[in-house]
Amino acid sequence: MSDADYSDFKVMPVVLKGIAADSPGPSPRESYGPGERQRFEAIRGHVDRALQATGENVYQPQIGHKSPEAYTKAVLGVLAKHTEQHKRLATWSIPDRSLAEYTQKIVGDALDSPRREGRLAEIVIVDRSGREVREFVGSKKSWMQHFEGPTMLGTIYINGQPQRV
């Protein structure tokens, strides 16, 4: 028997997900109450696609984020500059009872920003089995234009009848 040669194996780096992958910021929060970290992770997971589409990075929850709602407002402040309607919105002033509605509007509008900018944005999602799924949002024209021919107008006759093209 010969010794196994493992020289062709690659050591995969640990990929951090959720709030652990974000920049720590000036004063990261180190302690969470029972179940509180999961609530912060859920918020981060909800806006992850929009953050990837806009290319923005956010800080981990900071000491000043006393509640998940405060963290949501901070993240929405980062995304709001990529929207049309909420560009100048002071997200800290959103009442907590309206937060879900504003989150839906801002995240939806931020996901649409690549289309408005005429670019295609890649979003990487890891499904429950651990596979990476890549999807693209934005303008198809941004990559399709390189494969299009010149536009031509003309008439084609099929069975003696003119057909517009």
Protein backbone atom coordinates (compact mmCIF):
# COMPACT_ATOMS: atom_id res chain seq x y z
CA MET A 1 0.00 0.00 0.00
CA SER A 2 1.22 3.44 -0.80
CA ASP A 3 0.72 6.57 1.17
CA ALA A 4 -2.12 8.76 -0.05
CA ASP A 5 -1.08 11.94 -1.75
CA TYR A 6 -3.28 14.85 -0.68
CA SER A 7 -1.33 17.55 -2.49
CA ASP A 8 -4.15 18.18 -4.94
CA PHE A 9 -6.73 18.89 -2.23
CA LYS A 10 -7.61 22.50 -1.59
CA VAL A 11 -8.38 23.84 1.84
CA MET A 12 -11.53 25.89 1.48
CA PRO A 13 -11.61 29.11 3.49
CA VAL A 14 -14.36 29.57 6.03
CA VAL A 15 -17.00 31.81 4.52
CA LEU A 16 -18.79 33.91 7.09
CA LYS A 17 -22.47 34.56 6.52
CA GLY A 18 -24.88 37.08 7.99
CA ILE A 19 -23.84 39.76 10.43
CA ALA A 20 -20.54 37.99 11.17
CA ALA A 21 -19.42 38.69 7.58
CA ASP A 22 -20.08 42.41 7.83
CA SER A 23 -17.51 45.00 8.82
CA PRO A 24 -17.33 45.36 12.61
CA GLY A 25 -17.70 49.15 12.51
CA PRO A 26 -16.61 51.58 15.21
CA SER A 27 -18.31 49.92 18.21
CA PRO A 28 -19.66 46.45 17.43
CA ARG A 29 -22.15 44.88 19.73
CA GLU A 30 -20.67 41.88 21.53
CA SER A 31 -23.48 40.63 23.73
CA TYR A 32 -27.02 39.77 22.74
CA GLY A 33 -30.06 38.83 24.78
CA PRO A 34 -31.72 35.42 24.41
CA GLY A 35 -32.86 35.01 20.80
CA GLU A 36 -31.81 38.54 19.94
CA ARG A 37 -28.92 37.57 17.65
CA GLN A 38 -31.32 35.48 15.54
CA ARG A 39 -33.56 38.52 15.10
CA PHE A 40 -30.57 40.60 13.91
CA GLU A 41 -29.55 37.75 11.56
CA ALA A 42 -33.10 37.56 10.17
CA ILE A 43 -33.06 41.28 9.38
CA ARG A 44 -29.68 40.98 7.67
CA GLY A 45 -30.88 37.95 5.70
CA HIS A 46 -33.98 39.80 4.55
CA VAL A 47 -31.99 42.66 3.01
CA ASP A 48 -29.03 40.58 1.78
CA ARG A 49 -30.18 40.36 -1.85
CA ALA A 50 -30.68 44.13 -2.03
CA LEU A 51 -27.25 44.76 -0.49
CA GLN A 52 -25.62 42.49 -3.07
CA ALA A 53 -27.53 44.10 -5.94
CA THR A 54 -26.45 47.59 -4.91
CA GLY A 55 -22.90 46.60 -3.92
CA GLU A 56 -23.27 48.12 -0.46
CA ASN A 57 -21.69 46.91 2.76
CA VAL A 58 -23.15 47.47 6.20
CA TYR A 59 -21.75 47.38 9.71
CA GLN A 60 -22.51 44.66 12.18
CA PRO A 61 -25.06 45.65 14.83
CA GLN A 62 -23.48 48.41 16.91
CA ILE A 63 -23.79 49.20 20.59
CA GLY A 64 -26.15 52.05 19.65
CA HIS A 65 -28.60 49.59 18.07
CA LYS A 66 -30.58 48.88 21.21
CA SER A 67 -33.16 46.84 19.31
CA PRO A 68 -33.45 44.99 16.00
CA GLU A 69 -35.72 47.81 14.80
CA ALA A 70 -32.87 50.32 15.26
CA TYR A 71 -30.58 48.05 13.24
CA THR A 72 -33.23 47.76 10.52
CA LYS A 73 -33.42 51.54 10.27
CA ALA A 74 -29.63 51.78 9.96
CA VAL A 75 -29.54 49.18 7.17
CA LEU A 76 -32.45 50.88 5.38
CA GLY A 77 -30.48 54.13 5.54
CA VAL A 78 -27.72 52.47 3.51
CA LEU A 79 -30.17 51.11 0.94
CA ALA A 80 -32.35 54.23 0.71
CA LYS A 81 -29.79 56.13 -1.38
CA HIS A 82 -30.33 53.56 -4.17
CA THR A 83 -34.07 54.22 -4.37
CA GLU A 84 -35.89 56.88 -6.32
CA GLN A 85 -38.63 57.78 -3.87
CA HIS A 86 -36.77 57.45 -0.54
CA LYS A 87 -33.36 58.94 -1.41
CA ARG A 88 -33.54 61.65 1.23
CA LEU A 89 -35.53 59.73 3.82
CA ALA A 90 -34.26 60.00 7.39
CA THR A 91 -34.73 56.34 8.22
CA TRP A 92 -34.22 56.88 11.96
CA SER A 93 -37.53 58.80 11.98
CA ILE A 94 -39.61 55.89 10.61
CA PRO A 95 -42.17 54.83 13.24
CA ASP A 96 -41.77 51.21 14.32
CA ARG A 97 -45.35 50.38 13.30
CA SER A 98 -44.54 51.38 9.67
CA LEU A 99 -41.13 49.74 9.54
CA ALA A 100 -42.24 46.57 7.70
CA GLU A 101 -43.95 48.63 4.99
CA TYR A 102 -40.92 50.88 4.48
CA THR A 103 -38.59 47.87 4.48
CA GLN A 104 -40.57 46.22 1.71
CA LYS A 105 -40.63 49.40 -0.41
CA ILE A 106 -36.95 50.26 0.06
CA VAL A 107 -35.67 46.71 -0.50
CA GLY A 108 -37.84 46.32 -3.62
CA ASP A 109 -36.69 49.63 -5.05
CA ALA A 110 -33.04 48.86 -4.24
CA LEU A 111 -33.34 45.52 -6.07
CA ASP A 112 -34.59 47.45 -9.09
CA SER A 113 -31.66 49.90 -9.08
CA PRO A 114 -29.42 47.81 -11.41
CA ARG A 115 -32.15 47.93 -14.07
CA ARG A 116 -32.47 51.69 -13.73
CA GLU A 117 -28.69 52.08 -13.96
CA GLY A 118 -28.51 49.84 -17.05
CA ARG A 119 -26.30 47.18 -15.48
CA LEU A 120 -26.58 43.56 -14.47
CA ALA A 121 -25.92 42.61 -10.83
CA GLU A 122 -25.06 39.13 -9.57
CA ILE A 123 -26.68 37.87 -6.38
CA VAL A 124 -25.28 34.76 -4.69
CA ILE A 125 -27.63 32.84 -2.43
CA VAL A 126 -26.72 29.74 -0.43
CA ASP A 127 -29.67 27.37 -0.23
CA ARG A 128 -30.46 25.03 2.65
CA SER A 129 -28.30 22.24 1.22
CA GLY A 130 -25.26 24.54 1.09
CA ARG A 131 -25.18 25.02 -2.68
CA GLU A 132 -24.45 28.45 -4.08
CA VAL A 133 -27.17 29.68 -6.40
CA ARG A 134 -26.38 32.66 -8.60
CA GLU A 135 -29.06 34.89 -10.00
CA PHE A 136 -28.86 38.13 -11.90
CA VAL A 137 -31.04 41.20 -11.63
CA GLY A 138 -30.97 44.28 -13.78
CA SER A 139 -30.96 45.17 -17.42
CA LYS A 140 -30.66 42.34 -19.94
CA LYS A 141 -29.65 44.94 -22.48
CA SER A 142 -26.37 45.54 -20.60
CA TRP A 143 -24.92 42.25 -21.88
CA MET A 144 -27.28 41.37 -24.72
CA GLN A 145 -26.41 44.44 -26.79
CA HIS A 146 -23.05 42.91 -27.71
CA PHE A 147 -24.79 40.05 -29.52
CA GLU A 148 -27.45 42.03 -31.37
CA GLY A 149 -27.19 42.84 -35.01
CA PRO A 150 -28.23 46.11 -36.58
CA THR A 151 -31.95 46.84 -36.58
CA MET A 152 -33.50 46.40 -40.02
CA LEU A 153 -37.00 47.19 -41.14
CA GLY A 154 -38.49 45.62 -44.18
CA THR A 155 -41.31 43.63 -45.70
CA ILE A 156 -41.29 39.90 -46.27
CA TYR A 157 -43.75 38.26 -48.62
CA ILE A 158 -45.19 34.96 -47.45
CA ASN A 159 -47.59 33.27 -49.89
CA GLY A 160 -47.86 36.51 -51.76
CA GLN A 161 -48.97 38.52 -48.70
CA PRO A 162 -46.74 41.28 -47.27
CA GLN A 163 -45.70 40.69 -43.63
CA ARG A 164 -44.10 43.42 -41.48
CA VAL A 165 -40.94 42.52 -39.68
